[in-house]
């Protein structure tokens, strides 16, 4: 039944004939217990509603399927405590684990890493650890966004900050503050926001009240929500205020106006994560860690600085 070459062909034929007559189907659970392998791997993400993680999932799932493995997926809903529990439970039920943008603190992640092995990290590095990681240089992406906005004359930016536990959010903030220090007359306002469309929508009014001429959103979903909120306030994008996102999820080019954003290789992150996990599971050499460089995609949501900030403009329909 397992296709072992040492079994006599006559015996193979007799066993298969008997199995067919009895409508026998092998039990994957029993087989995994006997072999010590489940032929499944797990992926844990903080937010399945974010298309960025959906693309990572697709890349990982397709690559795993090529080797006869299936993918189990769990969502922590941005809860670091729940994420640690999910990680341990998922690893018990699968042969390996990929943690995408984990929110657990570094020391806890280090203590968990041995229990979770074989483990691959996405959007998170663990310095001094042997755990393979694939990450994005978010600071470099933010620097390109800031340089683009400054070239348009913007000197006051408002950043709609992502989840507090997100290391990539901290990288973005550090890059923004570095730009604020180096640029003369540059002002940065940071607003607590989140990672969802709803978060961005709710932050729109507060962003306008800062007097900033451009909005830098934590990700594309936040940017979409902010764009919706800004339109409800009667503002033109980019005539009254510019806005940028991050990730270049599939919808970014189809918004009105199309969103200026930083593109990252989402599917490739998933495929390369599988390559490293497969190597770990089979005792082979693991490829070196990679830090991808984002690529700025300039679209129509950014433009020259307006004559006066949106906070001082009369809203459409106002007296």
Foldseek 3Di string as FASTA:
>chain_A
DPPDPVDDPVVVVVVVVVCVVVVHDDDLVVVCVVVVANLEEEEEEADPVDLLVVLLVVLQQVLSVVVVHGYHYYHQVNDLVSVLVVLLVRQVNHLAYEYEQHLHDLVVCVVCPVSRPVYEYEQDDNPPDPHAYEHAQLLLFLVVVVVVQVVLVFQEEEEAAADPSGPSSVSNVVSVVVCQVPDPSHHYHYDHFYDALCSLLVCQVVRLQVFGQEYEYAAVRSQNSNVVNCVVQQDDFNQQHAYAHEACRVCQVVDVNRHWYWHDDSSVNNNLSNQQRVCRSVVHDGDHHYYHYTHTDDTRRDHHGYPGHSNPDDHPPDD
